[in-house]
PDB file of N, CA and C in Angstrom:
ATOM      1  N   MET A   1     -23.361  40.409   8.913  1.00  0.00           N
ATOM      2  CA  MET A   1     -23.357  41.652   8.134  1.00  0.00           C
ATOM      3  C   MET A   1     -22.594  41.454   6.832  1.00  0.00           C
ATOM      4  N   GLU A   2     -21.385  40.895   6.893  1.00  0.00           N
ATOM      5  CA  GLU A   2     -20.569  40.721   5.691  1.00  0.00           C
ATOM      6  C   GLU A   2     -21.273  39.834   4.671  1.00  0.00           C
ATOM      7  N   ASP A   3     -21.934  38.773   5.145  1.00  0.00           N
ATOM      8  CA  ASP A   3     -22.662  37.891   4.239  1.00  0.00           C
ATOM      9  C   ASP A   3     -23.762  38.634   3.508  1.00  0.00           C
ATOM     10  N   LYS A   4     -24.436  39.564   4.204  1.00  0.00           N
ATOM     11  CA  LYS A   4     -25.500  40.355   3.583  1.00  0.00           C
ATOM     12  C   LYS A   4     -24.939  41.228   2.458  1.00  0.00           C
ATOM     13  N   VAL A   5     -23.812  41.830   2.708  1.00  0.00           N
ATOM     14  CA  VAL A   5     -23.178  42.710   1.725  1.00  0.00           C
ATOM     15  C   VAL A   5     -22.753  41.894   0.500  1.00  0.00           C
ATOM     16  N   LEU A   6     -22.098  40.759   0.743  1.00  0.00           N
ATOM     17  CA  LEU A   6     -21.675  39.903  -0.370  1.00  0.00           C
ATOM     18  C   LEU A   6     -22.875  39.393  -1.157  1.00  0.00           C
ATOM     19  N   ARG A   7     -23.923  39.047  -0.462  1.00  0.00           N
ATOM     20  CA  ARG A   7     -25.133  38.543  -1.127  1.00  0.00           C
ATOM     21  C   ARG A   7     -25.695  39.592  -2.080  1.00  0.00           C
ATOM     22  N   LYS A   8     -25.740  40.849  -1.621  1.00  0.00           N
ATOM     23  CA  LYS A   8     -26.219  41.934  -2.484  1.00  0.00           C
ATOM     24  C   LYS A   8     -25.345  42.059  -3.727  1.00  0.00           C
ATOM     25  N   LEU A   9     -24.033  41.997  -3.538  1.00  0.00           N
ATOM     26  CA  LEU A   9     -23.111  42.078  -4.671  1.00  0.00           C
ATOM     27  C   LEU A   9     -23.336  40.920  -5.644  1.00  0.00           C
ATOM     28  N   PHE A  10     -23.426  39.730  -5.108  1.00  0.00           N
ATOM     29  CA  PHE A  10     -23.551  38.542  -5.947  1.00  0.00           C
ATOM     30  C   PHE A  10     -24.878  38.477  -6.685  1.00  0.00           C
ATOM     31  N   LEU A  11     -25.920  39.127  -6.173  1.00  0.00           N
ATOM     32  CA  LEU A  11     -27.200  39.135  -6.878  1.00  0.00           C
ATOM     33  C   LEU A  11     -27.060  39.763  -8.263  1.00  0.00           C
ATOM     34  N   GLY A  12     -26.237  40.789  -8.372  1.00  0.00           N
ATOM     35  CA  GLY A  12     -25.979  41.392  -9.681  1.00  0.00           C
ATOM     36  C   GLY A  12     -25.276  40.422 -10.602  1.00  0.00           C
ATOM     37  N   PHE A  13     -24.307  39.690 -10.063  1.00  0.00           N
ATOM     38  CA  PHE A  13     -23.606  38.687 -10.869  1.00  0.00           C
ATOM     39  C   PHE A  13     -24.563  37.594 -11.325  1.00  0.00           C
ATOM     40  N   ILE A  14     -25.475  37.220 -10.450  1.00  0.00           N
ATOM     41  CA  ILE A  14     -26.453  36.182 -10.787  1.00  0.00           C
ATOM     42  C   ILE A  14     -27.337  36.634 -11.940  1.00  0.00           C
ATOM     43  N   HIS A  15     -27.759  37.873 -11.923  1.00  0.00           N
ATOM     44  CA  HIS A  15     -28.566  38.411 -13.027  1.00  0.00           C
ATOM     45  C   HIS A  15     -27.800  38.319 -14.352  1.00  0.00           C
ATOM     46  N   ILE A  16     -26.548  38.710 -14.320  1.00  0.00           N
ATOM     47  CA  ILE A  16     -25.724  38.647 -15.535  1.00  0.00           C
ATOM     48  C   ILE A  16     -25.569  37.202 -15.987  1.00  0.00           C
ATOM     49  N   HIS A  17     -25.354  36.314 -15.054  1.00  0.00           N
ATOM     50  CA  HIS A  17     -25.189  34.894 -15.359  1.00  0.00           C
ATOM     51  C   HIS A  17     -26.456  34.342 -16.032  1.00  0.00           C
ATOM     52  N   ILE A  18     -27.608  34.699 -15.493  1.00  0.00           N
ATOM     53  CA  ILE A  18     -28.878  34.260 -16.080  1.00  0.00           C
ATOM     54  C   ILE A  18     -29.000  34.777 -17.506  1.00  0.00           C
ATOM     55  N   LEU A  19     -28.743  36.053 -17.716  1.00  0.00           N
ATOM     56  CA  LEU A  19     -28.838  36.622 -19.064  1.00  0.00           C
ATOM     57  C   LEU A  19     -27.881  35.914 -20.026  1.00  0.00           C
ATOM     58  N   HIS A  20     -26.681  35.646 -19.557  1.00  0.00           N
ATOM     59  CA  HIS A  20     -25.686  34.977 -20.402  1.00  0.00           C
ATOM     60  C   HIS A  20     -26.208  33.631 -20.892  1.00  0.00           C
ATOM     61  N   HIS A  21     -26.685  32.811 -19.973  1.00  0.00           N
ATOM     62  CA  HIS A  21     -27.139  31.473 -20.363  1.00  0.00           C
ATOM     63  C   HIS A  21     -28.449  31.514 -21.142  1.00  0.00           C
ATOM     64  N   ALA A  22     -29.342  32.418 -20.768  1.00  0.00           N
ATOM     65  CA  ALA A  22     -30.629  32.513 -21.472  1.00  0.00           C
ATOM     66  C   ALA A  22     -30.455  33.021 -22.895  1.00  0.00           C
ATOM     67  N   LYS A  23     -29.341  33.676 -23.147  1.00  0.00           N
ATOM     68  CA  LYS A  23     -29.041  34.089 -24.521  1.00  0.00           C
ATOM     69  C   LYS A  23     -28.538  32.892 -25.335  1.00  0.00           C
ATOM     70  N   GLU A  24     -27.765  32.024 -24.692  1.00  0.00           N
ATOM     71  CA  GLU A  24     -27.203  30.858 -25.378  1.00  0.00           C
ATOM     72  C   GLU A  24     -28.262  29.810 -25.717  1.00  0.00           C
ATOM     73  N   HIS A  25     -29.191  29.578 -24.781  1.00  0.00           N
ATOM     74  CA  HIS A  25     -30.231  28.560 -24.962  1.00  0.00           C
ATOM     75  C   HIS A  25     -31.307  28.770 -23.901  1.00  0.00           C
ATOM     76  N   PRO A  26     -32.507  28.265 -24.136  1.00  0.00           N
ATOM     77  CA  PRO A  26     -33.555  28.402 -23.112  1.00  0.00           C
ATOM     78  C   PRO A  26     -33.122  27.730 -21.807  1.00  0.00           C
ATOM     79  N   VAL A  27     -33.383  28.404 -20.690  1.00  0.00           N
ATOM     80  CA  VAL A  27     -33.027  27.872 -19.379  1.00  0.00           C
ATOM     81  C   VAL A  27     -34.284  27.770 -18.521  1.00  0.00           C
ATOM     82  N   TYR A  28     -34.251  26.864 -17.553  1.00  0.00           N
ATOM     83  CA  TYR A  28     -35.343  26.760 -16.592  1.00  0.00           C
ATOM     84  C   TYR A  28     -34.743  26.778 -15.190  1.00  0.00           C
ATOM     85  N   GLY A  29     -35.589  27.035 -14.214  1.00  0.00           N
ATOM     86  CA  GLY A  29     -35.138  27.298 -12.859  1.00  0.00           C
ATOM     87  C   GLY A  29     -34.225  26.258 -12.250  1.00  0.00           C
ATOM     88  N   ALA A  30     -34.638  24.989 -12.275  1.00  0.00           N
ATOM     89  CA  ALA A  30     -33.826  23.948 -11.628  1.00  0.00           C
ATOM     90  C   ALA A  30     -32.450  23.846 -12.277  1.00  0.00           C
ATOM     91  N   TRP A  31     -32.398  23.961 -13.591  1.00  0.00           N
ATOM     92  CA  TRP A  31     -31.100  23.918 -14.288  1.00  0.00           C
ATOM     93  C   TRP A  31     -30.249  25.104 -13.867  1.00  0.00           C
ATOM     94  N   MET A  32     -30.875  26.279 -13.770  1.00  0.00           N
ATOM     95  CA  MET A  32     -30.132  27.490 -13.423  1.00  0.00           C
ATOM     96  C   MET A  32     -29.603  27.412 -12.004  1.00  0.00           C
ATOM     97  N   VAL A  33     -30.373  26.845 -11.066  1.00  0.00           N
ATOM     98  CA  VAL A  33     -29.893  26.668  -9.686  1.00  0.00           C
ATOM     99  C   VAL A  33     -28.631  25.813  -9.694  1.00  0.00           C
ATOM    100  N   GLU A  34     -28.666  24.699 -10.427  1.00  0.00           N
ATOM    101  CA  GLU A  34     -27.494  23.812 -10.494  1.00  0.00           C
ATOM    102  C   GLU A  34     -26.302  24.522 -11.128  1.00  0.00           C
ATOM    103  N   GLU A  35     -26.545  25.249 -12.195  1.00  0.00           N
ATOM    104  CA  GLU A  35     -25.469  25.974 -12.882  1.00  0.00           C
ATOM    105  C   GLU A  35     -24.814  26.984 -11.937  1.00  0.00           C
ATOM    106  N   LEU A  36     -25.625  27.740 -11.240  1.00  0.00           N
ATOM    107  CA  LEU A  36     -25.084  28.740 -10.314  1.00  0.00           C
ATOM    108  C   LEU A  36     -24.334  28.083  -9.159  1.00  0.00           C
ATOM    109  N   GLN A  37     -24.839  26.962  -8.681  1.00  0.00           N
ATOM    110  CA  GLN A  37     -24.152  26.256  -7.595  1.00  0.00           C
ATOM    111  C   GLN A  37     -22.797  25.736  -8.046  1.00  0.00           C
ATOM    112  N   GLU A  38     -22.693  25.350  -9.312  1.00  0.00           N
ATOM    113  CA  GLU A  38     -21.391  24.913  -9.844  1.00  0.00           C
ATOM    114  C   GLU A  38     -20.361  26.034  -9.815  1.00  0.00           C
ATOM    115  N   HIS A  39     -20.843  27.270  -9.820  1.00  0.00           N
ATOM    116  CA  HIS A  39     -19.951  28.421  -9.782  1.00  0.00           C
ATOM    117  C   HIS A  39     -19.813  28.999  -8.375  1.00  0.00           C
ATOM    118  N   GLY A  40     -20.303  28.251  -7.379  1.00  0.00           N
ATOM    119  CA  GLY A  40     -20.100  28.653  -5.992  1.00  0.00           C
ATOM    120  C   GLY A  40     -21.182  29.525  -5.393  1.00  0.00           C
ATOM    121  N   TYR A  41     -22.254  29.788  -6.121  1.00  0.00           N
ATOM    122  CA  TYR A  41     -23.343  30.581  -5.569  1.00  0.00           C
ATOM    123  C   TYR A  41     -24.255  29.676  -4.757  1.00  0.00           C
ATOM    124  N   LYS A  42     -24.568  30.093  -3.552  1.00  0.00           N
ATOM    125  CA  LYS A  42     -25.504  29.346  -2.709  1.00  0.00           C
ATOM    126  C   LYS A  42     -26.869  29.985  -2.908  1.00  0.00           C
ATOM    127  N   ILE A  43     -27.652  29.407  -3.801  1.00  0.00           N
ATOM    128  CA  ILE A  43     -28.952  29.988  -4.125  1.00  0.00           C
ATOM    129  C   ILE A  43     -29.991  28.873  -4.138  1.00  0.00           C
ATOM    130  N   SER A  44     -31.142  29.171  -3.597  1.00  0.00           N
ATOM    131  CA  SER A  44     -32.237  28.198  -3.574  1.00  0.00           C
ATOM    132  C   SER A  44     -33.240  28.567  -4.665  1.00  0.00           C
ATOM    133  N   SER A  45     -34.102  27.638  -4.958  1.00  0.00           N
ATOM    134  CA  SER A  45     -35.147  27.928  -5.943  1.00  0.00           C
ATOM    135  C   SER A  45     -36.067  29.028  -5.419  1.00  0.00           C
ATOM    136  N   GLY A  46     -36.233  29.111  -4.108  1.00  0.00           N
ATOM    137  CA  GLY A  46     -37.052  30.158  -3.509  1.00  0.00           C
ATOM    138  C   GLY A  46     -36.481  31.556  -3.702  1.00  0.00           C
ATOM    139  N   THR A  47     -35.202  31.639  -3.961  1.00  0.00           N
ATOM    140  CA  THR A  47     -34.560  32.917  -4.277  1.00  0.00           C
ATOM    141  C   THR A  47     -34.520  33.128  -5.788  1.00  0.00           C
ATOM    142  N   LEU A  48     -34.228  32.074  -6.537  1.00  0.00           N
ATOM    143  CA  LEU A  48     -34.068  32.207  -7.983  1.00  0.00           C
ATOM    144  C   LEU A  48     -35.367  32.515  -8.701  1.00  0.00           C
ATOM    145  N   TYR A  49     -36.456  31.818  -8.371  1.00  0.00           N
ATOM    146  CA  TYR A  49     -37.692  32.002  -9.126  1.00  0.00           C
ATOM    147  C   TYR A  49     -38.217  33.439  -9.086  1.00  0.00           C
ATOM    148  N   PRO A  50     -38.195  34.114  -7.943  1.00  0.00           N
ATOM    149  CA  PRO A  50     -38.595  35.533  -7.960  1.00  0.00           C
ATOM    150  C   PRO A  50     -37.681  36.395  -8.844  1.00  0.00           C
ATOM    151  N   ILE A  51     -36.397  36.058  -8.901  1.00  0.00           N
ATOM    152  CA  ILE A  51     -35.473  36.793  -9.775  1.00  0.00           C
ATOM    153  C   ILE A  51     -35.896  36.602 -11.229  1.00  0.00           C
ATOM    154  N   LEU A  52     -36.155  35.355 -11.625  1.00  0.00           N
ATOM    155  CA  LEU A  52     -36.587  35.075 -13.000  1.00  0.00           C
ATOM    156  C   LEU A  52     -37.887  35.813 -13.324  1.00  0.00           C
ATOM    157  N   HIS A  53     -38.834  35.799 -12.413  1.00  0.00           N
ATOM    158  CA  HIS A  53     -40.120  36.463 -12.645  1.00  0.00           C
ATOM    159  C   HIS A  53     -39.930  37.966 -12.790  1.00  0.00           C
ATOM    160  N   THR A  54     -39.084  38.542 -11.937  1.00  0.00           N
ATOM    161  CA  THR A  54     -38.827  39.980 -12.019  1.00  0.00           C
ATOM    162  C   THR A  54     -38.134  40.331 -13.328  1.00  0.00           C
ATOM    163  N   MET A  55     -37.180  39.507 -13.739  1.00  0.00           N
ATOM    164  CA  MET A  55     -36.487  39.774 -15.005  1.00  0.00           C
ATOM    165  C   MET A  55     -37.464  39.672 -16.180  1.00  0.00           C
ATOM    166  N   GLU A  56     -38.433  38.772 -16.077  1.00  0.00           N
ATOM    167  CA  GLU A  56     -39.463  38.672 -17.113  1.00  0.00           C
ATOM    168  C   GLU A  56     -40.337  39.927 -17.091  1.00  0.00           C
ATOM    169  N   THR A  57     -40.779  40.344 -15.923  1.00  0.00           N
ATOM    170  CA  THR A  57     -41.603  41.545 -15.783  1.00  0.00           C
ATOM    171  C   THR A  57     -40.872  42.781 -16.294  1.00  0.00           C
ATOM    172  N   ASP A  58     -39.565  42.817 -16.068  1.00  0.00           N
ATOM    173  CA  ASP A  58     -38.749  43.961 -16.512  1.00  0.00           C
ATOM    174  C   ASP A  58     -38.449  43.922 -18.009  1.00  0.00           C
ATOM    175  N   GLY A  59     -38.891  42.884 -18.686  1.00  0.00           N
ATOM    176  CA  GLY A  59     -38.697  42.801 -20.128  1.00  0.00           C
ATOM    177  C   GLY A  59     -37.345  42.271 -20.547  1.00  0.00           C
ATOM    178  N   LEU A  60     -36.613  41.629 -19.625  1.00  0.00           N
ATOM    179  CA  LEU A  60     -35.296  41.096 -19.945  1.00  0.00           C
ATOM    180  C   LEU A  60     -35.364  39.653 -20.438  1.00  0.00           C
ATOM    181  N   LEU A  61     -36.403  38.933 -20.015  1.00  0.00           N
ATOM    182  CA  LEU A  61     -36.567  37.527 -20.382  1.00  0.00           C
ATOM    183  C   LEU A  61     -37.963  37.287 -20.943  1.00  0.00           C
ATOM    184  N   ASP A  62     -38.042  36.380 -21.895  1.00  0.00           N
ATOM    185  CA  ASP A  62     -39.316  35.843 -22.377  1.00  0.00           C
ATOM    186  C   ASP A  62     -39.490  34.469 -21.772  1.00  0.00           C
ATOM    187  N   ARG A  63     -40.737  34.101 -21.493  1.00  0.00           N
ATOM    188  CA  ARG A  63     -41.013  32.789 -20.913  1.00  0.00           C
ATOM    189  C   ARG A  63     -41.857  31.961 -21.875  1.00  0.00           C
ATOM    190  N   GLU A  64     -41.513  30.686 -21.970  1.00  0.00           N
ATOM    191  CA  GLU A  64     -42.300  29.726 -22.738  1.00  0.00           C
ATOM    192  C   GLU A  64     -42.584  28.538 -21.829  1.00  0.00           C
ATOM    193  N   ASP A  65     -43.852  28.224 -21.661  1.00  0.00           N
ATOM    194  CA  ASP A  65     -44.240  27.075 -20.843  1.00  0.00           C
ATOM    195  C   ASP A  65     -44.242  25.828 -21.717  1.00  0.00           C
ATOM    196  N   ARG A  66     -43.561  24.776 -21.256  1.00  0.00           N
ATOM    197  CA  ARG A  66     -43.516  23.494 -21.960  1.00  0.00           C
ATOM    198  C   ARG A  66     -43.869  22.387 -20.976  1.00  0.00           C
ATOM    199  N   THR A  67     -44.576  21.390 -21.464  1.00  0.00           N
ATOM    200  CA  THR A  67     -44.893  20.239 -20.625  1.00  0.00           C
ATOM    201  C   THR A  67     -43.773  19.216 -20.758  1.00  0.00           C
ATOM    202  N   VAL A  68     -43.163  18.894 -19.622  1.00  0.00           N
ATOM    203  CA  VAL A  68     -42.067  17.938 -19.567  1.00  0.00           C
ATOM    204  C   VAL A  68     -42.428  16.898 -18.509  1.00  0.00           C
ATOM    205  N   GLU A  69     -42.521  15.655 -18.938  1.00  0.00           N
ATOM    206  CA  GLU A  69     -42.874  14.555 -18.035  1.00  0.00           C
ATOM    207  C   GLU A  69     -44.138  14.866 -17.237  1.00  0.00           C
ATOM    208  N   GLY A  70     -45.133  15.415 -17.926  1.00  0.00           N
ATOM    209  CA  GLY A  70     -46.424  15.692 -17.311  1.00  0.00           C
ATOM    210  C   GLY A  70     -46.493  16.950 -16.465  1.00  0.00           C
ATOM    211  N   LYS A  71     -45.380  17.692 -16.372  1.00  0.00           N
ATOM    212  CA  LYS A  71     -45.360  18.919 -15.574  1.00  0.00           C
ATOM    213  C   LYS A  71     -45.010  20.099 -16.473  1.00  0.00           C
ATOM    214  N   VAL A  72     -45.564  21.250 -16.135  1.00  0.00           N
ATOM    215  CA  VAL A  72     -45.254  22.462 -16.893  1.00  0.00           C
ATOM    216  C   VAL A  72     -43.934  23.023 -16.392  1.00  0.00           C
ATOM    217  N   ARG A  73     -43.018  23.239 -17.314  1.00  0.00           N
ATOM    218  CA  ARG A  73     -41.710  23.814 -16.991  1.00  0.00           C
ATOM    219  C   ARG A  73     -41.609  25.148 -17.734  1.00  0.00           C
ATOM    220  N   LYS A  74     -41.148  26.160 -17.036  1.00  0.00           N
ATOM    221  CA  LYS A  74     -41.002  27.492 -17.618  1.00  0.00           C
ATOM    222  C   LYS A  74     -39.580  27.661 -18.143  1.00  0.00           C
ATOM    223  N   TYR A  75     -39.470  27.893 -19.438  1.00  0.00           N
ATOM    224  CA  TYR A  75     -38.177  28.131 -20.069  1.00  0.00           C
ATOM    225  C   TYR A  75     -38.043  29.623 -20.363  1.00  0.00           C
ATOM    226  N   TYR A  76     -36.850  30.138 -20.123  1.00  0.00           N
ATOM    227  CA  TYR A  76     -36.590  31.558 -20.306  1.00  0.00           C
ATOM    228  C   TYR A  76     -35.494  31.785 -21.342  1.00  0.00           C
ATOM    229  N   THR A  77     -35.717  32.772 -22.195  1.00  0.00           N
ATOM    230  CA  THR A  77     -34.711  33.236 -23.148  1.00  0.00           C
ATOM    231  C   THR A  77     -34.648  34.761 -23.049  1.00  0.00           C
ATOM    232  N   THR A  78     -33.544  35.326 -23.500  1.00  0.00           N
ATOM    233  CA  THR A  78     -33.405  36.776 -23.421  1.00  0.00           C
ATOM    234  C   THR A  78     -34.243  37.455 -24.504  1.00  0.00           C
ATOM    235  N   THR A  79     -34.696  38.632 -24.173  1.00  0.00           N
ATOM    236  CA  THR A  79     -35.373  39.504 -25.128  1.00  0.00           C
ATOM    237  C   THR A  79     -34.308  40.407 -25.759  1.00  0.00           C
ATOM    238  N   ASP A  80     -34.717  41.230 -26.701  1.00  0.00           N
ATOM    239  CA  ASP A  80     -33.779  42.210 -27.262  1.00  0.00           C
ATOM    240  C   ASP A  80     -33.247  43.125 -26.155  1.00  0.00           C
ATOM    241  N   LYS A  81     -34.140  43.545 -25.279  1.00  0.00           N
ATOM    242  CA  LYS A  81     -33.722  44.395 -24.152  1.00  0.00           C
ATOM    243  C   LYS A  81     -32.736  43.643 -23.258  1.00  0.00           C
ATOM    244  N   GLY A  82     -33.006  42.365 -22.987  1.00  0.00           N
ATOM    245  CA  GLY A  82     -32.100  41.550 -22.175  1.00  0.00           C
ATOM    246  C   GLY A  82     -30.735  41.425 -22.818  1.00  0.00           C
ATOM    247  N   ASN A  83     -30.711  41.269 -24.136  1.00  0.00           N
ATOM    248  CA  ASN A  83     -29.432  41.190 -24.858  1.00  0.00           C
ATOM    249  C   ASN A  83     -28.664  42.502 -24.755  1.00  0.00           C
ATOM    250  N   GLN A  84     -29.367  43.625 -24.859  1.00  0.00           N
ATOM    251  CA  GLN A  84     -28.713  44.927 -24.741  1.00  0.00           C
ATOM    252  C   GLN A  84     -28.146  45.135 -23.338  1.00  0.00           C
ATOM    253  N   VAL A  85     -28.922  44.739 -22.337  1.00  0.00           N
ATOM    254  CA  VAL A  85     -28.460  44.856 -20.948  1.00  0.00           C
ATOM    255  C   VAL A  85     -27.230  43.976 -20.737  1.00  0.00           C
ATOM    256  N   LEU A  86     -27.243  42.778 -21.316  1.00  0.00           N
ATOM    257  CA  LEU A  86     -26.096  41.877 -21.187  1.00  0.00           C
ATOM    258  C   LEU A  86     -24.847  42.482 -21.810  1.00  0.00           C
ATOM    259  N   VAL A  87     -24.981  43.087 -22.972  1.00  0.00           N
ATOM    260  CA  VAL A  87     -23.828  43.735 -23.621  1.00  0.00           C
ATOM    261  C   VAL A  87     -23.248  44.810 -22.705  1.00  0.00           C
ATOM    262  N   GLU A  88     -24.103  45.642 -22.148  1.00  0.00           N
ATOM    263  CA  GLU A  88     -23.634  46.716 -21.256  1.00  0.00           C
ATOM    264  C   GLU A  88     -23.032  46.141 -19.974  1.00  0.00           C
ATOM    265  N   ALA A  89     -23.661  45.119 -19.425  1.00  0.00           N
ATOM    266  CA  ALA A  89     -23.148  44.507 -18.190  1.00  0.00           C
ATOM    267  C   ALA A  89     -21.777  43.893 -18.425  1.00  0.00           C
ATOM    268  N   ARG A  90     -21.596  43.256 -19.575  1.00  0.00           N
ATOM    269  CA  ARG A  90     -20.286  42.672 -19.890  1.00  0.00           C
ATOM    270  C   ARG A  90     -19.216  43.753 -19.969  1.00  0.00           C
ATOM    271  N   LYS A  91     -19.548  44.869 -20.597  1.00  0.00           N
ATOM    272  CA  LYS A  91     -18.582  45.975 -20.699  1.00  0.00           C
ATOM    273  C   LYS A  91     -18.193  46.469 -19.311  1.00  0.00           C
ATOM    274  N   LYS A  92     -19.193  46.689 -18.473  1.00  0.00           N
ATOM    275  CA  LYS A  92     -18.925  47.201 -17.124  1.00  0.00           C
ATOM    276  C   LYS A  92     -18.134  46.177 -16.300  1.00  0.00           C
ATOM    277  N   ALA A  93     -18.514  44.916 -16.416  1.00  0.00           N
ATOM    278  CA  ALA A  93     -17.808  43.870 -15.667  1.00  0.00           C
ATOM    279  C   ALA A  93     -16.358  43.766 -16.123  1.00  0.00           C
ATOM    280  N   TYR A  94     -16.133  43.861 -17.432  1.00  0.00           N
ATOM    281  CA  TYR A  94     -14.777  43.774 -17.958  1.00  0.00           C
ATOM    282  C   TYR A  94     -13.938  44.959 -17.474  1.00  0.00           C
ATOM    283  N   GLU A  95     -14.502  46.152 -17.520  1.00  0.00           N
ATOM    284  CA  GLU A  95     -13.789  47.338 -17.037  1.00  0.00           C
ATOM    285  C   GLU A  95     -13.443  47.195 -15.554  1.00  0.00           C
ATOM    286  N   LEU A  96     -14.396  46.715 -14.775  1.00  0.00           N
ATOM    287  CA  LEU A  96     -14.154  46.527 -13.348  1.00  0.00           C
ATOM    288  C   LEU A  96     -13.073  45.486 -13.124  1.00  0.00           C
ATOM    289  N   PHE A  97     -13.146  44.366 -13.851  1.00  0.00           N
ATOM    290  CA  PHE A  97     -12.148  43.311 -13.709  1.00  0.00           C
ATOM    291  C   PHE A  97     -10.747  43.856 -14.015  1.00  0.00           C
ATOM    292  N   LYS A  98     -10.616  44.623 -15.093  1.00  0.00           N
ATOM    293  CA  LYS A  98      -9.308  45.191 -15.441  1.00  0.00           C
ATOM    294  C   LYS A  98      -8.789  46.079 -14.322  1.00  0.00           C
ATOM    295  N   GLU A  99      -9.667  46.799 -13.667  1.00  0.00           N
ATOM    296  CA  GLU A  99      -9.254  47.728 -12.627  1.00  0.00           C
ATOM    297  C   GLU A  99      -8.875  47.019 -11.326  1.00  0.00           C
ATOM    298  N   ILE A 100      -9.576  45.957 -10.971  1.00  0.00           N
ATOM    299  CA  ILE A 100      -9.361  45.361  -9.647  1.00  0.00           C
ATOM    300  C   ILE A 100      -8.479  44.117  -9.664  1.00  0.00           C
ATOM    301  N   ARG A 101      -8.151  43.586 -10.826  1.00  0.00           N
ATOM    302  CA  ARG A 101      -7.338  42.366 -10.851  1.00  0.00           C
ATOM    303  C   ARG A 101      -5.957  42.621 -10.240  1.00  0.00           C
ATOM    304  N   ASP A 102      -5.389  41.580  -9.734  1.00  0.00           N
ATOM    305  CA  ASP A 102      -4.067  41.717  -9.070  1.00  0.00           C
ATOM    306  C   ASP A 102      -2.949  41.637 -10.074  1.00  0.00           C
TER     307      ASP A 102
END
């Protein structure tokens, strides 16, 4: 039960993390999985790719298909809407951090 609750919480953090990096430079799924794992998130590509697709459908990310080593790789960058959401998410996260820090 506790793992389920934490997972739900962390999914929001993962969305913010994706927006942050996609604003800095184009990101692709395998790179994002590794990046998130470096920060302690246990996420598989089977979980991440639907998140990326949903964020694209929601207008937060743009996708560009590029051929890399003979395979098509999907690169994602933030849209204007994604940038606006990131600004608001940062504000909310900062306010929460100030309130809950020890």
